[in-house]
């Protein structure tokens, strides 16, 4: 983090949270409509509904031990 090595789990977790919490805003900010730089009005729930309207294949769970 910032060119230093850290073994502190809390500091590592906070750095990951800070980075990944801004990814969605960055991606949405880069979505534009056409060539006139007008941003699309993107609704994430609409994407999920249209992309995942088919049922998922069944999952076969395997037994596990501790």
N, C-alpha and C. Protein backbone atom coordinates (compact mmCIF):
# COMPACT_ATOMS: atom_id res chain seq x y z
N UNK A 1 0.85 -1.16 0.00
CA UNK A 1 0.00 0.00 0.00
C UNK A 1 0.90 1.22 0.00
N UNK A 2 0.72 2.03 -1.02
CA UNK A 2 1.57 3.22 -1.18
C UNK A 2 3.05 2.85 -1.17
N UNK A 3 3.36 1.77 -1.89
CA UNK A 3 4.73 1.27 -2.03
C UNK A 3 5.35 0.79 -0.72
N UNK A 4 4.53 0.37 0.23
CA UNK A 4 5.04 -0.23 1.46
C UNK A 4 4.34 -1.56 1.68
N UNK A 5 5.02 -2.45 2.39
CA UNK A 5 4.46 -3.76 2.71
C UNK A 5 3.78 -3.66 4.07
N UNK A 6 2.60 -4.26 4.18
CA UNK A 6 1.86 -4.24 5.44
C UNK A 6 1.40 -5.64 5.78
N UNK A 7 1.49 -5.99 7.06
CA UNK A 7 0.98 -7.26 7.57
C UNK A 7 -0.24 -7.04 8.46
N UNK A 8 -0.73 -5.82 8.50
CA UNK A 8 -1.87 -5.47 9.34
C UNK A 8 -3.15 -5.79 8.58
N UNK A 9 -3.90 -6.83 9.01
CA UNK A 9 -5.11 -7.22 8.28
C UNK A 9 -6.16 -6.12 8.19
N UNK A 10 -6.30 -5.31 9.22
CA UNK A 10 -7.29 -4.23 9.21
C UNK A 10 -6.91 -3.18 8.18
N UNK A 11 -5.64 -2.84 8.11
CA UNK A 11 -5.17 -1.85 7.15
C UNK A 11 -5.33 -2.36 5.71
N UNK A 12 -5.05 -3.64 5.49
CA UNK A 12 -5.20 -4.25 4.17
C UNK A 12 -6.67 -4.24 3.77
N UNK A 13 -7.55 -4.64 4.69
CA UNK A 13 -8.99 -4.66 4.40
C UNK A 13 -9.51 -3.26 4.08
N UNK A 14 -9.08 -2.27 4.83
CA UNK A 14 -9.52 -0.90 4.58
C UNK A 14 -9.05 -0.39 3.22
N UNK A 15 -7.83 -0.76 2.83
CA UNK A 15 -7.31 -0.35 1.53
C UNK A 15 -8.12 -0.98 0.40
N UNK A 16 -8.43 -2.27 0.51
CA UNK A 16 -9.27 -2.93 -0.49
C UNK A 16 -10.65 -2.28 -0.54
N UNK A 17 -11.25 -2.02 0.61
CA UNK A 17 -12.57 -1.38 0.65
C UNK A 17 -12.56 -0.01 -0.02
N UNK A 18 -11.53 0.79 0.27
CA UNK A 18 -11.43 2.11 -0.33
C UNK A 18 -11.33 2.00 -1.86
N UNK A 19 -10.53 1.07 -2.33
CA UNK A 19 -10.34 0.91 -3.77
C UNK A 19 -11.63 0.44 -4.45
N UNK A 20 -12.19 -0.67 -3.96
CA UNK A 20 -13.32 -1.27 -4.64
C UNK A 20 -14.63 -0.49 -4.45
N UNK A 21 -14.73 0.33 -3.43
CA UNK A 21 -15.95 1.12 -3.26
C UNK A 21 -16.05 2.24 -4.29
N UNK A 22 -14.94 2.59 -4.93
CA UNK A 22 -14.98 3.65 -5.94
C UNK A 22 -15.06 3.11 -7.36
N UNK A 23 -14.90 1.80 -7.54
CA UNK A 23 -14.88 1.23 -8.89
C UNK A 23 -16.21 1.44 -9.59
N UNK A 24 -17.32 1.20 -8.93
CA UNK A 24 -18.64 1.34 -9.56
C UNK A 24 -18.87 2.78 -10.00
N UNK A 25 -18.53 3.74 -9.17
CA UNK A 25 -18.71 5.14 -9.54
C UNK A 25 -17.85 5.50 -10.75
N UNK A 26 -16.64 4.97 -10.80
CA UNK A 26 -15.75 5.25 -11.92
C UNK A 26 -16.30 4.66 -13.21
N UNK A 27 -16.78 3.42 -13.15
CA UNK A 27 -17.33 2.78 -14.34
C UNK A 27 -18.57 3.51 -14.82
N UNK A 28 -19.48 3.81 -13.92
CA UNK A 28 -20.71 4.51 -14.28
C UNK A 28 -20.37 5.90 -14.84
N UNK A 29 -19.37 6.54 -14.27
CA UNK A 29 -18.96 7.86 -14.75
C UNK A 29 -18.38 7.82 -16.15
N UNK A 30 -17.87 6.67 -16.58
CA UNK A 30 -17.29 6.54 -17.90
C UNK A 30 -18.28 6.11 -18.96
N UNK A 31 -19.52 5.81 -18.58
CA UNK A 31 -20.54 5.40 -19.54
C UNK A 31 -21.13 6.65 -20.17
N UNK A 32 -20.97 6.76 -21.47
CA UNK A 32 -21.54 7.90 -22.17
C UNK A 32 -22.44 7.42 -23.30
N UNK A 33 -23.32 8.26 -23.73
CA UNK A 33 -24.28 7.91 -24.77
C UNK A 33 -23.88 8.62 -26.06
N UNK A 34 -23.52 7.83 -27.06
CA UNK A 34 -23.15 8.41 -28.34
C UNK A 34 -21.86 9.19 -28.27
N UNK A 35 -21.71 10.14 -29.18
CA UNK A 35 -20.48 10.93 -29.24
C UNK A 35 -20.65 12.33 -28.66
N UNK A 36 -21.80 12.62 -28.12
CA UNK A 36 -22.02 13.98 -27.62
C UNK A 36 -21.80 14.09 -26.11
N UNK A 37 -21.15 13.10 -25.51
CA UNK A 37 -20.76 13.11 -24.09
C UNK A 37 -21.91 13.27 -23.11
N UNK A 38 -23.12 12.88 -23.51
CA UNK A 38 -24.25 12.87 -22.57
C UNK A 38 -24.27 11.50 -21.91
N UNK A 39 -24.24 11.49 -20.59
CA UNK A 39 -24.17 10.21 -19.87
C UNK A 39 -25.51 9.50 -19.91
N UNK A 40 -25.43 8.16 -20.10
CA UNK A 40 -26.64 7.35 -20.07
C UNK A 40 -27.23 7.35 -18.66
N UNK A 41 -28.52 7.20 -18.58
CA UNK A 41 -29.19 7.03 -17.30
C UNK A 41 -29.27 5.53 -17.05
N UNK A 42 -28.22 4.96 -16.48
CA UNK A 42 -28.08 3.52 -16.32
C UNK A 42 -28.68 3.08 -14.99
N UNK A 43 -29.59 2.12 -15.05
CA UNK A 43 -30.19 1.56 -13.84
C UNK A 43 -29.61 0.17 -13.64
N UNK A 44 -28.79 -0.05 -12.60
CA UNK A 44 -28.16 -1.36 -12.39
C UNK A 44 -29.16 -2.49 -12.25
N UNK A 45 -30.32 -2.24 -11.63
CA UNK A 45 -31.29 -3.31 -11.48
C UNK A 45 -31.87 -3.73 -12.83
N UNK A 46 -31.99 -2.79 -13.76
CA UNK A 46 -32.45 -3.13 -15.10
C UNK A 46 -31.45 -4.07 -15.78
N UNK A 47 -30.16 -3.81 -15.60
CA UNK A 47 -29.13 -4.69 -16.15
C UNK A 47 -29.27 -6.10 -15.60
N UNK A 48 -29.45 -6.20 -14.29
CA UNK A 48 -29.56 -7.52 -13.67
C UNK A 48 -30.79 -8.27 -14.16
N UNK A 49 -31.90 -7.57 -14.29
CA UNK A 49 -33.14 -8.21 -14.73
C UNK A 49 -33.01 -8.71 -16.17
N UNK A 50 -32.43 -7.90 -17.04
CA UNK A 50 -32.34 -8.29 -18.45
C UNK A 50 -31.24 -9.31 -18.69
N UNK A 51 -30.20 -9.30 -17.88
CA UNK A 51 -29.07 -10.21 -18.11
C UNK A 51 -29.27 -11.57 -17.46
N UNK A 52 -30.02 -11.62 -16.39
CA UNK A 52 -30.15 -12.86 -15.64
C UNK A 52 -31.60 -13.32 -15.52
N UNK A 53 -32.34 -13.20 -16.60
CA UNK A 53 -33.74 -13.61 -16.54
C UNK A 53 -33.90 -15.11 -16.76
N UNK A 54 -32.87 -15.81 -17.20
CA UNK A 54 -32.92 -17.26 -17.33
C UNK A 54 -32.54 -17.91 -16.01
N UNK A 55 -33.11 -19.08 -15.76
CA UNK A 55 -32.78 -19.77 -14.52
C UNK A 55 -31.36 -20.32 -14.60
N UNK A 56 -30.73 -20.39 -13.48
CA UNK A 56 -29.37 -20.94 -13.42
C UNK A 56 -29.43 -22.46 -13.39
N UNK A 57 -28.39 -23.08 -13.90
CA UNK A 57 -28.35 -24.54 -13.86
C UNK A 57 -28.27 -25.01 -12.40
N UNK A 58 -28.68 -26.24 -12.18
CA UNK A 58 -28.69 -26.74 -10.80
C UNK A 58 -27.27 -26.90 -10.27
N UNK A 59 -27.15 -26.77 -9.00
CA UNK A 59 -25.85 -26.90 -8.32
C UNK A 59 -25.85 -28.21 -7.57
N UNK A 60 -24.83 -28.99 -7.77
CA UNK A 60 -24.68 -30.26 -7.04
C UNK A 60 -23.62 -30.06 -5.95
N UNK A 61 -24.08 -30.04 -4.71
CA UNK A 61 -23.17 -29.83 -3.60
C UNK A 61 -22.46 -31.12 -3.25
N UNK A 62 -21.21 -31.01 -2.88
CA UNK A 62 -20.42 -32.14 -2.42
C UNK A 62 -20.26 -32.03 -0.92
N UNK A 63 -20.16 -33.19 -0.28
CA UNK A 63 -19.93 -33.18 1.16
C UNK A 63 -18.52 -32.70 1.47
N UNK A 64 -18.38 -32.01 2.57
CA UNK A 64 -17.07 -31.49 2.97
C UNK A 64 -16.87 -31.74 4.45
N UNK A 65 -15.65 -31.75 4.85
CA UNK A 65 -15.33 -31.90 6.27
C UNK A 65 -14.59 -30.67 6.73
N UNK A 66 -14.53 -30.49 8.02
CA UNK A 66 -13.81 -29.32 8.54
C UNK A 66 -12.38 -29.50 8.42
